[in-house]
Amino acid sequence: NNNNSNNSNRNNKLSPLLLQAWEIKALQESFGVHFVHVHSHHSNEDEIVVAEMKNRIKLLDKIDNDHSSLVEKMQRLEQCVMERLVLVQENSNNQQQQQQQQQQ
């Protein structure tokens, strides 16, 4: 049943995902390039487009507020990908070392 599969995936999305070092590096490099593009887009939007719109029309505060919220979420995502993935790998390595020591 496809519906049960989707519910199962939703329930598991908070469980830790153990990644190999090459997977972490690939994700960080891919996201790093993407974040550069997104930050450039938002800077251009703020400095050029929104600034010009404010000169021409009465711009709703909601646009600035929504954009601030989006930028904050993107920064948290970037921090998670660039910093916490390493922690997952380090924790995984530490757990593996502890298990090996216990087996000896």
C-alpha atoms as a PDB file:
ATOM      1  CA  ASN A   1       0.000   0.000   0.000  1.00  0.00           C
ATOM      2  CA  ASN A   2       1.634   3.224  -1.143  1.00  0.00           C
ATOM      3  CA  ASN A   3      -0.051   5.316   1.543  1.00  0.00           C
ATOM      4  CA  ASN A   4       1.475   3.222   4.348  1.00  0.00           C
ATOM      5  CA  SER A   5       4.884   3.615   2.745  1.00  0.00           C
ATOM      6  CA  ASN A   6       4.549   7.403   2.765  1.00  0.00           C
ATOM      7  CA  ASN A   7       3.487   7.428   6.425  1.00  0.00           C
ATOM      8  CA  SER A   8       6.408   5.201   7.318  1.00  0.00           C
ATOM      9  CA  ASN A   9       8.826   7.559   5.562  1.00  0.00           C
ATOM     10  CA  ARG A  10       7.362  10.551   7.404  1.00  0.00           C
ATOM     11  CA  ASN A  11       7.813   8.840  10.750  1.00  0.00           C
ATOM     12  CA  ASN A  12      11.439   8.002   9.968  1.00  0.00           C
ATOM     13  CA  LYS A  13      12.564  11.374   8.670  1.00  0.00           C
ATOM     14  CA  LEU A  14      13.860  12.458  12.082  1.00  0.00           C
ATOM     15  CA  SER A  15      15.949   9.346  12.562  1.00  0.00           C
ATOM     16  CA  PRO A  16      19.702   9.833  12.043  1.00  0.00           C
ATOM     17  CA  LEU A  17      21.112   9.167   8.629  1.00  0.00           C
ATOM     18  CA  LEU A  18      24.582   7.674   8.740  1.00  0.00           C
ATOM     19  CA  LEU A  19      26.665   8.770   5.788  1.00  0.00           C
ATOM     20  CA  GLN A  20      30.053   7.793   4.529  1.00  0.00           C
ATOM     21  CA  ALA A  21      32.769  10.454   4.311  1.00  0.00           C
ATOM     22  CA  TRP A  22      32.547  10.697   0.504  1.00  0.00           C
ATOM     23  CA  GLU A  23      28.759  11.189   0.713  1.00  0.00           C
ATOM     24  CA  ILE A  24      29.143  14.028   3.208  1.00  0.00           C
ATOM     25  CA  LYS A  25      31.801  15.689   1.069  1.00  0.00           C
ATOM     26  CA  ALA A  26      29.645  15.396  -2.078  1.00  0.00           C
ATOM     27  CA  LEU A  27      26.587  16.852  -0.331  1.00  0.00           C
ATOM     28  CA  GLN A  28      28.578  19.705   1.164  1.00  0.00           C
ATOM     29  CA  GLU A  29      30.192  20.578  -2.167  1.00  0.00           C
ATOM     30  CA  SER A  30      26.857  20.446  -4.002  1.00  0.00           C
ATOM     31  CA  PHE A  31      25.038  22.482  -1.387  1.00  0.00           C
ATOM     32  CA  GLY A  32      27.971  24.906  -1.130  1.00  0.00           C
ATOM     33  CA  VAL A  33      27.660  25.803  -4.812  1.00  0.00           C
ATOM     34  CA  HIS A  34      23.888  26.025  -4.499  1.00  0.00           C
ATOM     35  CA  PHE A  35      24.079  28.275  -1.430  1.00  0.00           C
ATOM     36  CA  VAL A  36      26.384  30.685  -3.278  1.00  0.00           C
ATOM     37  CA  HIS A  37      23.761  30.990  -6.023  1.00  0.00           C
ATOM     38  CA  VAL A  38      20.856  31.406  -3.585  1.00  0.00           C
ATOM     39  CA  HIS A  39      22.687  34.026  -1.491  1.00  0.00           C
ATOM     40  CA  SER A  40      23.593  35.957  -4.643  1.00  0.00           C
ATOM     41  CA  HIS A  41      19.987  35.800  -5.780  1.00  0.00           C
ATOM     42  CA  HIS A  42      18.703  37.112  -2.443  1.00  0.00           C
ATOM     43  CA  SER A  43      21.327  39.872  -2.288  1.00  0.00           C
ATOM     44  CA  ASN A  44      20.437  41.041  -5.790  1.00  0.00           C
ATOM     45  CA  GLU A  45      16.767  40.876  -4.951  1.00  0.00           C
ATOM     46  CA  ASP A  46      17.212  42.941  -1.761  1.00  0.00           C
ATOM     47  CA  GLU A  47      19.688  45.462  -3.119  1.00  0.00           C
ATOM     48  CA  ILE A  48      18.267  45.966  -6.606  1.00  0.00           C
ATOM     49  CA  VAL A  49      14.752  44.648  -7.175  1.00  0.00           C
ATOM     50  CA  VAL A  50      13.119  45.333  -3.805  1.00  0.00           C
ATOM     51  CA  ALA A  51      14.913  48.672  -3.488  1.00  0.00           C
ATOM     52  CA  GLU A  52      13.602  49.753  -6.904  1.00  0.00           C
ATOM     53  CA  MET A  53      10.111  48.489  -6.115  1.00  0.00           C
ATOM     54  CA  LYS A  54      10.092  50.572  -2.917  1.00  0.00           C
ATOM     55  CA  ASN A  55      10.920  53.649  -5.017  1.00  0.00           C
ATOM     56  CA  ARG A  56       8.013  53.004  -7.377  1.00  0.00           C
ATOM     57  CA  ILE A  57       5.231  51.536  -5.229  1.00  0.00           C
ATOM     58  CA  LYS A  58       4.153  51.122  -1.629  1.00  0.00           C
ATOM     59  CA  LEU A  59       5.660  47.742  -0.900  1.00  0.00           C
ATOM     60  CA  LEU A  60       3.995  45.588   1.727  1.00  0.00           C
ATOM     61  CA  ASP A  61       6.014  44.929   4.884  1.00  0.00           C
ATOM     62  CA  LYS A  62       5.065  41.271   4.478  1.00  0.00           C
ATOM     63  CA  ILE A  63       7.474  40.972   1.547  1.00  0.00           C
ATOM     64  CA  ASP A  64      10.435  42.030   3.689  1.00  0.00           C
ATOM     65  CA  ASN A  65       9.257  39.928   6.634  1.00  0.00           C
ATOM     66  CA  ASP A  66       8.730  36.825   4.499  1.00  0.00           C
ATOM     67  CA  HIS A  67      12.125  37.297   2.907  1.00  0.00           C
ATOM     68  CA  SER A  68      13.822  37.656   6.306  1.00  0.00           C
ATOM     69  CA  SER A  69      12.202  34.445   7.467  1.00  0.00           C
ATOM     70  CA  LEU A  70      13.303  32.644   4.315  1.00  0.00           C
ATOM     71  CA  VAL A  71      16.893  33.869   4.689  1.00  0.00           C
ATOM     72  CA  GLU A  72      16.958  32.678   8.311  1.00  0.00           C
ATOM     73  CA  LYS A  73      15.738  29.214   7.282  1.00  0.00           C
ATOM     74  CA  MET A  74      18.320  29.036   4.494  1.00  0.00           C
ATOM     75  CA  GLN A  75      21.087  29.945   6.957  1.00  0.00           C
ATOM     76  CA  ARG A  76      19.958  27.194   9.332  1.00  0.00           C
ATOM     77  CA  LEU A  77      19.854  24.697   6.463  1.00  0.00           C
ATOM     78  CA  GLU A  78      23.317  25.741   5.328  1.00  0.00           C
ATOM     79  CA  GLN A  79      24.665  25.366   8.857  1.00  0.00           C
ATOM     80  CA  CYS A  80      23.101  21.932   9.126  1.00  0.00           C
ATOM     81  CA  VAL A  81      24.550  20.702   5.838  1.00  0.00           C
ATOM     82  CA  MET A  82      27.976  22.276   6.200  1.00  0.00           C
ATOM     83  CA  GLU A  83      28.556  21.571   9.911  1.00  0.00           C
ATOM     84  CA  ARG A  84      26.222  18.940  11.302  1.00  0.00           C
ATOM     85  CA  LEU A  85      26.762  16.340   8.589  1.00  0.00           C
ATOM     86  CA  VAL A  86      30.363  16.173   9.727  1.00  0.00           C
ATOM     87  CA  LEU A  87      29.170  15.646  13.291  1.00  0.00           C
ATOM     88  CA  VAL A  88      26.985  12.751  12.163  1.00  0.00           C
ATOM     89  CA  GLN A  89      29.991  11.155  10.486  1.00  0.00           C
ATOM     90  CA  GLU A  90      32.232  11.797  13.502  1.00  0.00           C
ATOM     91  CA  ASN A  91      29.610  10.368  15.872  1.00  0.00           C
ATOM     92  CA  SER A  92      29.206   7.360  13.608  1.00  0.00           C
ATOM     93  CA  ASN A  93      32.978   6.801  13.593  1.00  0.00           C
ATOM     94  CA  ASN A  94      33.116   7.131  17.388  1.00  0.00           C
ATOM     95  CA  GLN A  95      30.272   4.645  17.793  1.00  0.00           C
ATOM     96  CA  GLN A  96      31.983   2.180  15.455  1.00  0.00           C
ATOM     97  CA  GLN A  97      35.252   2.509  17.385  1.00  0.00           C
ATOM     98  CA  GLN A  98      33.463   1.947  20.688  1.00  0.00           C
ATOM     99  CA  GLN A  99      31.721  -1.137  19.310  1.00  0.00           C
ATOM    100  CA  GLN A 100      35.031  -2.526  18.043  1.00  0.00           C
ATOM    101  CA  GLN A 101      36.674  -1.948  21.423  1.00  0.00           C
ATOM    102  CA  GLN A 102      33.813  -3.677  23.221  1.00  0.00           C
ATOM    103  CA  GLN A 103      34.142  -6.699  20.919  1.00  0.00           C
ATOM    104  CA  GLN A 104      37.852  -7.047  21.708  1.00  0.00           C
END
